Amino acid sequence: MATSGANGPGSATASASASNPRKFSEKIALQKQRQAEETAAFEEVMMDIGSTRDKL
């Protein structure tokens, strides 16, 4: 699972300027993509928990 704080505004990396989008629309798109990935991972875990509970 990805940690949202690792790539936050306070983190500095060597390749920050190369991977950092210049436009706000690009930043928003990346945030939406990251949120969708995290939501999908969360939902997958919740489905696994639900199927485990059904078996008990």
PDB file of N, CA and C in Angstrom:
ATOM      1  N   MET A   1       0.833  -1.181   0.000  1.00  0.00           N
ATOM      2  CA  MET A   1       0.000   0.000   0.000  1.00  0.00           C
ATOM      3  C   MET A   1       0.876   1.243   0.000  1.00  0.00           C
ATOM      4  N   ALA A   2       0.558   2.236  -0.766  1.00  0.00           N
ATOM      5  CA  ALA A   2       1.363   3.442  -0.862  1.00  0.00           C
ATOM      6  C   ALA A   2       1.074   4.358   0.308  1.00  0.00           C
ATOM      7  N   THR A   3       2.122   5.047   0.749  1.00  0.00           N
ATOM      8  CA  THR A   3       1.925   6.013   1.820  1.00  0.00           C
ATOM      9  C   THR A   3       1.806   7.386   1.219  1.00  0.00           C
ATOM     10  N   SER A   4       0.792   8.109   1.618  1.00  0.00           N
ATOM     11  CA  SER A   4       0.551   9.414   1.016  1.00  0.00           C
ATOM     12  C   SER A   4       1.567  10.445   1.484  1.00  0.00           C
ATOM     13  N   GLY A   5       2.174  10.250   2.669  1.00  0.00           N
ATOM     14  CA  GLY A   5       3.118  11.225   3.184  1.00  0.00           C
ATOM     15  C   GLY A   5       4.480  11.145   2.536  1.00  0.00           C
ATOM     16  N   ALA A   6       4.821  10.024   1.931  1.00  0.00           N
ATOM     17  CA  ALA A   6       6.151   9.838   1.370  1.00  0.00           C
ATOM     18  C   ALA A   6       6.420  10.771   0.202  1.00  0.00           C
ATOM     19  N   ASN A   7       5.422  11.094  -0.593  1.00  0.00           N
ATOM     20  CA  ASN A   7       5.607  11.967  -1.742  1.00  0.00           C
ATOM     21  C   ASN A   7       4.902  13.300  -1.549  1.00  0.00           C
ATOM     22  N   GLY A   8       4.728  13.694  -0.323  1.00  0.00           N
ATOM     23  CA  GLY A   8       4.007  14.925  -0.010  1.00  0.00           C
ATOM     24  C   GLY A   8       4.792  16.155  -0.376  1.00  0.00           C
ATOM     25  N   PRO A   9       4.215  17.327  -0.133  1.00  0.00           N
ATOM     26  CA  PRO A   9       4.861  18.578  -0.520  1.00  0.00           C
ATOM     27  C   PRO A   9       6.160  18.842   0.217  1.00  0.00           C
ATOM     28  N   GLY A  10       6.369  18.242   1.382  1.00  0.00           N
ATOM     29  CA  GLY A  10       7.578  18.480   2.139  1.00  0.00           C
ATOM     30  C   GLY A  10       8.734  17.586   1.765  1.00  0.00           C
ATOM     31  N   SER A  11       8.501  16.551   0.980  1.00  0.00           N
ATOM     32  CA  SER A  11       9.572  15.616   0.648  1.00  0.00           C
ATOM     33  C   SER A  11      10.424  16.156  -0.486  1.00  0.00           C
ATOM     34  N   ALA A  12      11.720  15.968  -0.348  1.00  0.00           N
ATOM     35  CA  ALA A  12      12.655  16.422  -1.379  1.00  0.00           C
ATOM     36  C   ALA A  12      13.436  15.223  -1.887  1.00  0.00           C
ATOM     37  N   THR A  13      13.432  15.029  -3.195  1.00  0.00           N
ATOM     38  CA  THR A  13      14.187  13.931  -3.794  1.00  0.00           C
ATOM     39  C   THR A  13      15.123  14.484  -4.851  1.00  0.00           C
ATOM     40  N   ALA A  14      16.068  13.676  -5.255  1.00  0.00           N
ATOM     41  CA  ALA A  14      17.047  14.118  -6.248  1.00  0.00           C
ATOM     42  C   ALA A  14      16.396  14.365  -7.606  1.00  0.00           C
ATOM     43  N   SER A  15      15.368  13.590  -7.938  1.00  0.00           N
ATOM     44  CA  SER A  15      14.719  13.735  -9.233  1.00  0.00           C
ATOM     45  C   SER A  15      13.408  14.508  -9.128  1.00  0.00           C
ATOM     46  N   ALA A  16      13.281  15.345  -8.125  1.00  0.00           N
ATOM     47  CA  ALA A  16      12.024  16.068  -7.915  1.00  0.00           C
ATOM     48  C   ALA A  16      11.699  16.982  -9.086  1.00  0.00           C
ATOM     49  N   SER A  17      12.689  17.653  -9.631  1.00  0.00           N
ATOM     50  CA  SER A  17      12.411  18.574 -10.729  1.00  0.00           C
ATOM     51  C   SER A  17      12.072  17.835 -12.021  1.00  0.00           C
ATOM     52  N   ALA A  18      12.602  16.636 -12.186  1.00  0.00           N
ATOM     53  CA  ALA A  18      12.337  15.876 -13.405  1.00  0.00           C
ATOM     54  C   ALA A  18      10.934  15.276 -13.410  1.00  0.00           C
ATOM     55  N   SER A  19      10.456  14.830 -12.250  1.00  0.00           N
ATOM     56  CA  SER A  19       9.151  14.172 -12.191  1.00  0.00           C
ATOM     57  C   SER A  19       8.047  15.112 -11.729  1.00  0.00           C
ATOM     58  N   ASN A  20       8.387  16.322 -11.367  1.00  0.00           N
ATOM     59  CA  ASN A  20       7.403  17.259 -10.834  1.00  0.00           C
ATOM     60  C   ASN A  20       6.675  17.974 -11.976  1.00  0.00           C
ATOM     61  N   PRO A  21       5.358  17.768 -12.096  1.00  0.00           N
ATOM     62  CA  PRO A  21       4.624  18.444 -13.173  1.00  0.00           C
ATOM     63  C   PRO A  21       4.572  19.949 -12.941  1.00  0.00           C
ATOM     64  N   ARG A  22       4.544  20.688 -14.018  1.00  0.00           N
ATOM     65  CA  ARG A  22       4.567  22.139 -13.909  1.00  0.00           C
ATOM     66  C   ARG A  22       3.183  22.742 -13.798  1.00  0.00           C
ATOM     67  N   LYS A  23       2.193  22.086 -14.368  1.00  0.00           N
ATOM     68  CA  LYS A  23       0.852  22.650 -14.377  1.00  0.00           C
ATOM     69  C   LYS A  23       0.016  22.056 -13.264  1.00  0.00           C
ATOM     70  N   PHE A  24      -0.857  22.893 -12.694  1.00  0.00           N
ATOM     71  CA  PHE A  24      -1.730  22.413 -11.635  1.00  0.00           C
ATOM     72  C   PHE A  24      -2.653  21.318 -12.134  1.00  0.00           C
ATOM     73  N   SER A  25      -3.092  21.392 -13.373  1.00  0.00           N
ATOM     74  CA  SER A  25      -3.981  20.362 -13.909  1.00  0.00           C
ATOM     75  C   SER A  25      -3.288  19.006 -13.935  1.00  0.00           C
ATOM     76  N   GLU A  26      -1.982  19.006 -14.209  1.00  0.00           N
ATOM     77  CA  GLU A  26      -1.234  17.752 -14.192  1.00  0.00           C
ATOM     78  C   GLU A  26      -1.098  17.227 -12.768  1.00  0.00           C
ATOM     79  N   LYS A  27      -0.863  18.126 -11.823  1.00  0.00           N
ATOM     80  CA  LYS A  27      -0.774  17.723 -10.420  1.00  0.00           C
ATOM     81  C   LYS A  27      -2.098  17.144  -9.941  1.00  0.00           C
ATOM     82  N   ILE A  28      -3.197  17.771 -10.326  1.00  0.00           N
ATOM     83  CA  ILE A  28      -4.520  17.292  -9.939  1.00  0.00           C
ATOM     84  C   ILE A  28      -4.782  15.917 -10.541  1.00  0.00           C
ATOM     85  N   ALA A  29      -4.406  15.733 -11.803  1.00  0.00           N
ATOM     86  CA  ALA A  29      -4.598  14.440 -12.459  1.00  0.00           C
ATOM     87  C   ALA A  29      -3.791  13.349 -11.748  1.00  0.00           C
ATOM     88  N   LEU A  30      -2.562  13.666 -11.346  1.00  0.00           N
ATOM     89  CA  LEU A  30      -1.743  12.685 -10.634  1.00  0.00           C
ATOM     90  C   LEU A  30      -2.355  12.358  -9.269  1.00  0.00           C
ATOM     91  N   GLN A  31      -2.864  13.368  -8.587  1.00  0.00           N
ATOM     92  CA  GLN A  31      -3.510  13.137  -7.292  1.00  0.00           C
ATOM     93  C   GLN A  31      -4.743  12.257  -7.449  1.00  0.00           C
ATOM     94  N   LYS A  32      -5.545  12.519  -8.481  1.00  0.00           N
ATOM     95  CA  LYS A  32      -6.745  11.709  -8.729  1.00  0.00           C
ATOM     96  C   LYS A  32      -6.368  10.271  -9.047  1.00  0.00           C
ATOM     97  N   GLN A  33      -5.312  10.091  -9.842  1.00  0.00           N
ATOM     98  CA  GLN A  33      -4.858   8.743 -10.184  1.00  0.00           C
ATOM     99  C   GLN A  33      -4.385   8.015  -8.935  1.00  0.00           C
ATOM    100  N   ARG A  34      -3.591   8.687  -8.114  1.00  0.00           N
ATOM    101  CA  ARG A  34      -3.090   8.082  -6.883  1.00  0.00           C
ATOM    102  C   ARG A  34      -4.242   7.729  -5.945  1.00  0.00           C
ATOM    103  N   GLN A  35      -5.226   8.628  -5.843  1.00  0.00           N
ATOM    104  CA  GLN A  35      -6.387   8.370  -4.991  1.00  0.00           C
ATOM    105  C   GLN A  35      -7.171   7.162  -5.501  1.00  0.00           C
ATOM    106  N   ALA A  36      -7.333   7.061  -6.809  1.00  0.00           N
ATOM    107  CA  ALA A  36      -8.064   5.930  -7.387  1.00  0.00           C
ATOM    108  C   ALA A  36      -7.334   4.615  -7.101  1.00  0.00           C
ATOM    109  N   GLU A  37      -6.008   4.626  -7.195  1.00  0.00           N
ATOM    110  CA  GLU A  37      -5.234   3.419  -6.913  1.00  0.00           C
ATOM    111  C   GLU A  37      -5.358   3.017  -5.444  1.00  0.00           C
ATOM    112  N   GLU A  38      -5.284   4.006  -4.552  1.00  0.00           N
ATOM    113  CA  GLU A  38      -5.402   3.719  -3.127  1.00  0.00           C
ATOM    114  C   GLU A  38      -6.809   3.245  -2.777  1.00  0.00           C
ATOM    115  N   THR A  39      -7.817   3.835  -3.414  1.00  0.00           N
ATOM    116  CA  THR A  39      -9.194   3.405  -3.178  1.00  0.00           C
ATOM    117  C   THR A  39      -9.400   1.980  -3.663  1.00  0.00           C
ATOM    118  N   ALA A  40      -8.851   1.645  -4.816  1.00  0.00           N
ATOM    119  CA  ALA A  40      -8.975   0.290  -5.345  1.00  0.00           C
ATOM    120  C   ALA A  40      -8.300  -0.714  -4.407  1.00  0.00           C
ATOM    121  N   ALA A  41      -7.137  -0.364  -3.884  1.00  0.00           N
ATOM    122  CA  ALA A  41      -6.439  -1.255  -2.958  1.00  0.00           C
ATOM    123  C   ALA A  41      -7.244  -1.421  -1.673  1.00  0.00           C
ATOM    124  N   PHE A  42      -7.813  -0.344  -1.175  1.00  0.00           N
ATOM    125  CA  PHE A  42      -8.636  -0.401   0.031  1.00  0.00           C
ATOM    126  C   PHE A  42      -9.861  -1.276  -0.190  1.00  0.00           C
ATOM    127  N   GLU A  43     -10.537  -1.078  -1.314  1.00  0.00           N
ATOM    128  CA  GLU A  43     -11.734  -1.864  -1.602  1.00  0.00           C
ATOM    129  C   GLU A  43     -11.398  -3.349  -1.751  1.00  0.00           C
ATOM    130  N   GLU A  44     -10.241  -3.644  -2.319  1.00  0.00           N
ATOM    131  CA  GLU A  44      -9.824  -5.044  -2.457  1.00  0.00           C
ATOM    132  C   GLU A  44      -9.639  -5.679  -1.083  1.00  0.00           C
ATOM    133  N   VAL A  45      -9.001  -4.955  -0.177  1.00  0.00           N
ATOM    134  CA  VAL A  45      -8.811  -5.470   1.178  1.00  0.00           C
ATOM    135  C   VAL A  45     -10.157  -5.662   1.867  1.00  0.00           C
ATOM    136  N   MET A  46     -11.058  -4.711   1.704  1.00  0.00           N
ATOM    137  CA  MET A  46     -12.370  -4.824   2.340  1.00  0.00           C
ATOM    138  C   MET A  46     -13.161  -5.997   1.773  1.00  0.00           C
ATOM    139  N   MET A  47     -13.027  -6.256   0.487  1.00  0.00           N
ATOM    140  CA  MET A  47     -13.707  -7.405  -0.111  1.00  0.00           C
ATOM    141  C   MET A  47     -13.130  -8.708   0.453  1.00  0.00           C
ATOM    142  N   ASP A  48     -11.812  -8.762   0.627  1.00  0.00           N
ATOM    143  CA  ASP A  48     -11.184  -9.946   1.211  1.00  0.00           C
ATOM    144  C   ASP A  48     -11.683 -10.176   2.636  1.00  0.00           C
ATOM    145  N   ILE A  49     -11.801  -9.103   3.387  1.00  0.00           N
ATOM    146  CA  ILE A  49     -12.303  -9.213   4.755  1.00  0.00           C
ATOM    147  C   ILE A  49     -13.746  -9.711   4.737  1.00  0.00           C
ATOM    148  N   GLY A  50     -14.553  -9.182   3.841  1.00  0.00           N
ATOM    149  CA  GLY A  50     -15.952  -9.603   3.736  1.00  0.00           C
ATOM    150  C   GLY A  50     -16.080 -11.069   3.382  1.00  0.00           C
ATOM    151  N   SER A  51     -15.264 -11.535   2.457  1.00  0.00           N
ATOM    152  CA  SER A  51     -15.339 -12.939   2.061  1.00  0.00           C
ATOM    153  C   SER A  51     -14.839 -13.844   3.188  1.00  0.00           C
ATOM    154  N   THR A  52     -13.896 -13.360   3.971  1.00  0.00           N
ATOM    155  CA  THR A  52     -13.407 -14.136   5.112  1.00  0.00           C
ATOM    156  C   THR A  52     -14.485 -14.241   6.183  1.00  0.00           C
ATOM    157  N   ARG A  53     -15.192 -13.159   6.414  1.00  0.00           N
ATOM    158  CA  ARG A  53     -16.270 -13.172   7.414  1.00  0.00           C
ATOM    159  C   ARG A  53     -17.394 -14.105   6.994  1.00  0.00           C
ATOM    160  N   ASP A  54     -17.698 -14.153   5.705  1.00  0.00           N
ATOM    161  CA  ASP A  54     -18.770 -15.013   5.216  1.00  0.00           C
ATOM    162  C   ASP A  54     -18.455 -16.482   5.445  1.00  0.00           C
ATOM    163  N   LYS A  55     -17.187 -16.840   5.427  1.00  0.00           N
ATOM    164  CA  LYS A  55     -16.790 -18.237   5.599  1.00  0.00           C
ATOM    165  C   LYS A  55     -16.905 -18.688   7.054  1.00  0.00           C
ATOM    166  N   LEU A  56     -16.897 -17.733   7.985  1.00  0.00           N
ATOM    167  CA  LEU A  56     -16.944 -18.107   9.408  1.00  0.00           C
ATOM    168  C   LEU A  56     -18.290 -18.502   9.842  1.00  0.00           C
TER     169      LEU A  56
END
